[in-house]
Structure formats: structure tokens, C-alpha cells
Amino acid sequence: LPPNIQPYTVDILHAAIEFKANRVESGQQYLDAALNVVDEPTAIWMQMSCAAARYSLPRKIKKDFDDSFKRAIKRKPTSQTAGRLAEYLTPFKMANVNYTGRATQERLVIDYLKRAKRVRWNEEDLVKVCEFLVVDMQQQALQERLIKTGLKKFPNNARFHYLAGQLEMEEGPRKCDINKASRTMNRAGELA
């Protein structure tokens, strides 16, 4: 598998294919295999909900996955789950790939990230979340808060300095603190 593909993703795709072919038992086996790989299943349910929409699975199956995702996303946020959710949604957002339920999933993920104030962030998970928020552009306050968290907890990570500089430059020519943007971009270059 490519390095950015989670191992359970193949099982999720197999499950979707099996559910589409109306081989429910086989689909359930693949789904169970995916669920057995993770400690916290929120990302699995979101991906199954997405697959159900994109591959036009039967309405009842899609509703079951949607409901499972909506229940799971209410749990206490974790670094790993936040990273997985952001990592999965970012390419869809960047490529503007639409499917039924994507806007709801994004809203629920944003709400989840807003609740993630006391999370013990893993460096890579926080990078994924911040990169997702850069693509979103409507969550500037959340993006700023999490980039600041990244700079504080992981000061030697070039990506957080780059994102901070990018965020500052997005203020536009009148509001941008050029010195701050330059400092953060230079620091990112030094660390890269």
C-alpha cells in the first residue's frame, strides 16, 4: 500500500464492493476486519458512510453507516481519530469531490475538532488536521488555534511554521503582518 493509505482502507473498499453486490455477510466480514484494526472506530464509520454514498449502496445500509458515524463522532476527541478524519476528507475537499453527506460529514468533523481542546496531540495527527483546515478556509479561528498549538508543542516542525506564515499572508495586503509572515516562512525554511 502507498504510505498515506491506512491498512483498513482496503477492507473498507472490499466491504463496500461486497455490500454493493448484496453479499452482506462477506461485506460484514471485511467491515469487521477494518474495525478490528483500530481502537476507536469513528474514522471507519465515516469512510463506510462515504463509500455507501459514492457507490450507491442500498439506502438502509447507507443510513446504518451514517447513523454509526453520527454516534461515534460524539465521543471524546482523540489525536489519532482527528488525524484520520482530516486525512481522509482533505483530498475530497481539495479535489471538490462531492457525494451525498459530505457537507454533513465535514460539519461534524469541524465540530469534533472544535471540541478537541484538551487532546494530547500527536505531531503527525495535528499536521493532518491543520492541513485539512487550510483547505477549509472557513474555520480561520480554529485553524489559528491549532497551528498555535502545533508551534507550541512541536516548535521544530517546519510544517507548522509554514502554515502560520501562510495563515498570516491570507490576511491580505492590508492586514498581513509582513514581518511575522517573513519570520515564520524563514523559520520553516531553516527547519525543512
Protein backbone atom coordinates (compact mmCIF):
# COMPACT_ATOMS: atom_id res chain seq x y z
CA LEU A 1 0.00 0.00 0.00
CA PRO A 2 1.10 3.60 -0.54
CA PRO A 3 2.40 5.09 2.72
CA ASN A 4 -0.52 7.51 3.14
CA ILE A 5 -3.20 4.79 2.88
CA GLN A 6 -4.40 3.33 6.16
CA PRO A 7 -4.32 -0.50 6.20
CA TYR A 8 -8.04 -0.71 6.98
CA THR A 9 -8.93 1.26 3.84
CA VAL A 10 -8.62 -1.85 1.66
CA ASP A 11 -11.04 -3.70 3.94
CA ILE A 12 -13.47 -0.78 3.74
CA LEU A 13 -13.36 -0.82 -0.05
CA HIS A 14 -13.84 -4.60 -0.08
CA ALA A 15 -16.78 -4.22 2.28
CA ALA A 16 -18.37 -1.60 0.02
CA ILE A 17 -17.95 -3.86 -3.01
CA GLU A 18 -19.49 -6.79 -1.17
CA PHE A 19 -22.41 -4.74 0.16
CA LYS A 20 -22.97 -3.36 -3.36
CA ALA A 21 -23.07 -6.94 -4.71
CA ASN A 22 -25.62 -7.77 -1.99
CA ARG A 23 -23.17 -10.17 -0.31
CA VAL A 24 -23.91 -8.80 3.13
CA GLU A 25 -22.12 -11.49 5.16
CA SER A 26 -18.91 -11.06 3.19
CA GLY A 27 -19.23 -7.26 3.42
CA GLN A 28 -19.68 -7.54 7.17
CA GLN A 29 -16.54 -9.69 7.44
CA TYR A 30 -14.47 -7.02 5.69
CA LEU A 31 -16.06 -4.32 7.83
CA ASP A 32 -15.29 -6.32 10.98
CA ALA A 33 -11.68 -6.73 9.81
CA ALA A 34 -11.38 -2.95 9.42
CA LEU A 35 -12.95 -2.33 12.82
CA ASN A 36 -10.58 -4.81 14.47
CA VAL A 37 -7.55 -2.80 13.33
CA VAL A 38 -8.48 0.39 15.19
CA ASP A 39 -9.04 1.27 18.83
CA GLU A 40 -11.64 3.92 18.04
CA PRO A 41 -13.99 3.35 15.06
CA THR A 42 -15.13 6.87 14.15
CA ALA A 43 -12.93 7.09 11.03
CA ILE A 44 -14.13 3.66 9.86
CA TRP A 45 -17.77 4.69 10.13
CA MET A 46 -17.13 7.92 8.26
CA GLN A 47 -15.34 6.10 5.46
CA MET A 48 -18.11 3.49 5.24
CA SER A 49 -20.70 6.28 5.11
CA CYS A 50 -18.73 7.92 2.30
CA ALA A 51 -18.34 4.62 0.42
CA ALA A 52 -22.04 3.92 0.79
CA ALA A 53 -22.87 7.27 -0.81
CA ARG A 54 -20.24 7.16 -3.54
CA TYR A 55 -21.02 3.58 -4.60
CA SER A 56 -24.81 3.92 -4.23
CA LEU A 57 -25.22 1.20 -1.65
CA PRO A 58 -28.77 0.35 -0.58
CA ARG A 59 -30.44 3.14 1.38
CA LYS A 60 -30.76 1.12 4.60
CA ILE A 61 -27.05 0.22 4.60
CA LYS A 62 -26.09 3.85 3.99
CA LYS A 63 -28.39 5.02 6.77
CA ASP A 64 -26.84 2.46 9.16
CA PHE A 65 -23.33 3.75 8.37
CA ASP A 66 -24.44 7.39 8.61
CA ASP A 67 -26.03 6.73 12.00
CA SER A 68 -22.98 4.82 13.25
CA PHE A 69 -20.73 7.72 12.22
CA LYS A 70 -23.01 10.31 13.85
CA ARG A 71 -22.98 8.34 17.13
CA ALA A 72 -19.22 7.76 17.05
CA ILE A 73 -18.26 11.37 16.30
CA LYS A 74 -19.92 12.46 19.55
CA ARG A 75 -17.23 10.67 21.56
CA LYS A 76 -14.41 12.47 23.27
CA PRO A 77 -11.93 13.65 20.62
CA THR A 78 -8.59 11.91 20.25
CA SER A 79 -5.50 12.88 18.30
CA GLN A 80 -5.47 9.74 16.20
CA THR A 81 -9.14 9.94 15.24
CA ALA A 82 -8.90 13.65 14.41
CA GLY A 83 -5.87 12.94 12.23
CA ARG A 84 -7.59 10.07 10.43
CA LEU A 85 -10.76 12.06 9.79
CA ALA A 86 -8.82 15.03 8.45
CA GLU A 87 -6.52 12.86 6.35
CA TYR A 88 -9.49 11.15 4.73
CA LEU A 89 -11.52 14.29 3.99
CA THR A 90 -8.68 16.53 2.76
CA PRO A 91 -8.34 15.01 -0.75
CA PHE A 92 -12.12 15.15 -1.29
CA LYS A 93 -12.14 18.80 -0.24
CA MET A 94 -9.10 19.68 -2.37
CA ALA A 95 -10.47 17.98 -5.49
CA ASN A 96 -14.02 19.19 -4.78
CA VAL A 97 -15.32 15.63 -4.96
CA ASN A 98 -18.95 15.70 -3.89
CA TYR A 99 -21.08 12.89 -2.59
CA THR A 100 -24.29 12.77 -0.61
CA GLY A 101 -23.46 13.54 3.00
CA ARG A 102 -20.03 15.13 2.52
CA ALA A 103 -21.12 18.55 3.80
CA THR A 104 -22.65 16.93 6.89
CA GLN A 105 -19.51 14.87 7.49
CA GLU A 106 -17.32 17.96 7.21
CA ARG A 107 -19.56 19.90 9.60
CA LEU A 108 -19.45 17.06 12.13
CA VAL A 109 -15.67 16.78 11.81
CA ILE A 110 -15.29 20.55 12.32
CA ASP A 111 -17.50 20.33 15.42
CA TYR A 112 -15.37 17.40 16.62
CA LEU A 113 -12.18 19.44 16.10
CA LYS A 114 -13.66 22.41 17.95
CA ARG A 115 -14.23 20.12 20.93
CA ALA A 116 -10.61 18.90 20.79
CA LYS A 117 -9.27 21.44 23.26
CA ARG A 118 -7.64 19.05 25.70
CA VAL A 119 -6.35 16.50 23.25
CA ARG A 120 -2.82 15.21 23.67
CA TRP A 121 -1.80 15.79 20.10
CA ASN A 122 0.49 13.50 18.16
CA GLU A 123 2.62 15.65 15.87
CA GLU A 124 1.59 13.98 12.60
CA ASP A 125 -2.11 13.96 13.52
CA LEU A 126 -2.04 17.68 14.27
CA VAL A 127 -0.30 18.38 10.94
CA LYS A 128 -3.08 16.48 9.12
CA VAL A 129 -5.76 18.41 10.97
CA CYS A 130 -4.13 21.78 10.27
CA GLU A 131 -3.72 20.90 6.58
CA PHE A 132 -7.40 19.98 6.40
CA LEU A 133 -8.33 23.31 7.97
CA VAL A 134 -6.14 25.19 5.47
CA VAL A 135 -8.23 23.65 2.69
CA ASP A 136 -11.48 24.50 4.51
CA MET A 137 -10.75 28.25 4.77
CA GLN A 138 -14.00 28.91 6.67
CA GLN A 139 -12.54 27.90 10.01
CA GLN A 140 -9.84 30.51 10.44
CA ALA A 141 -10.17 30.82 14.24
CA LEU A 142 -9.94 27.04 14.70
CA GLN A 143 -7.09 26.84 12.21
CA GLU A 144 -5.21 29.59 14.05
CA ARG A 145 -5.74 27.93 17.44
CA LEU A 146 -4.46 24.56 16.25
CA ILE A 147 -1.50 26.00 14.34
CA LYS A 148 -0.52 27.86 17.54
CA THR A 149 -0.83 24.56 19.41
CA GLY A 150 1.45 22.95 16.84
CA LEU A 151 4.03 25.74 17.12
CA LYS A 152 3.99 25.46 20.91
CA LYS A 153 4.13 21.67 21.19
CA PHE A 154 6.27 20.95 18.13
CA PRO A 155 8.45 24.04 17.57
CA ASN A 156 10.88 22.16 15.33
CA ASN A 157 8.26 21.07 12.83
CA ALA A 158 8.66 23.17 9.68
CA ARG A 159 5.10 22.49 8.60
CA PHE A 160 3.56 24.46 11.49
CA HIS A 161 5.81 27.45 10.77
CA TYR A 162 4.87 27.29 7.09
CA LEU A 163 1.15 27.07 7.90
CA ALA A 164 1.46 30.01 10.32
CA GLY A 165 3.12 32.08 7.61
CA GLN A 166 0.50 31.06 5.08
CA LEU A 167 -2.28 31.96 7.50
CA GLU A 168 -0.73 35.37 8.09
CA MET A 169 -0.39 36.04 4.35
CA GLU A 170 -4.06 35.16 3.84
CA GLU A 171 -4.89 38.28 5.83
CA GLY A 172 -4.30 40.15 2.58
CA PRO A 173 -2.08 43.09 1.72
CA ARG A 174 -3.63 45.49 4.23
CA LYS A 175 -3.91 43.27 7.32
CA CYS A 176 -0.93 40.96 6.84
CA ASP A 177 1.99 41.45 9.23
CA ILE A 178 4.74 41.11 6.63
CA ASN A 179 7.46 40.75 9.26
CA LYS A 180 5.60 37.93 11.01
CA ALA A 181 4.89 36.15 7.73
CA SER A 182 8.53 36.50 6.69
CA ARG A 183 9.83 35.26 10.07
CA THR A 184 7.61 32.18 10.06
CA MET A 185 8.39 31.30 6.45
CA ASN A 186 12.12 31.76 7.06
CA ARG A 187 11.91 29.52 10.12
CA ALA A 188 10.05 26.92 8.07
CA GLY A 189 12.85 27.03 5.51
CA GLU A 190 15.51 26.63 8.18
CA LEU A 191 13.74 23.58 9.64
CA ALA A 192 12.89 21.91 6.32
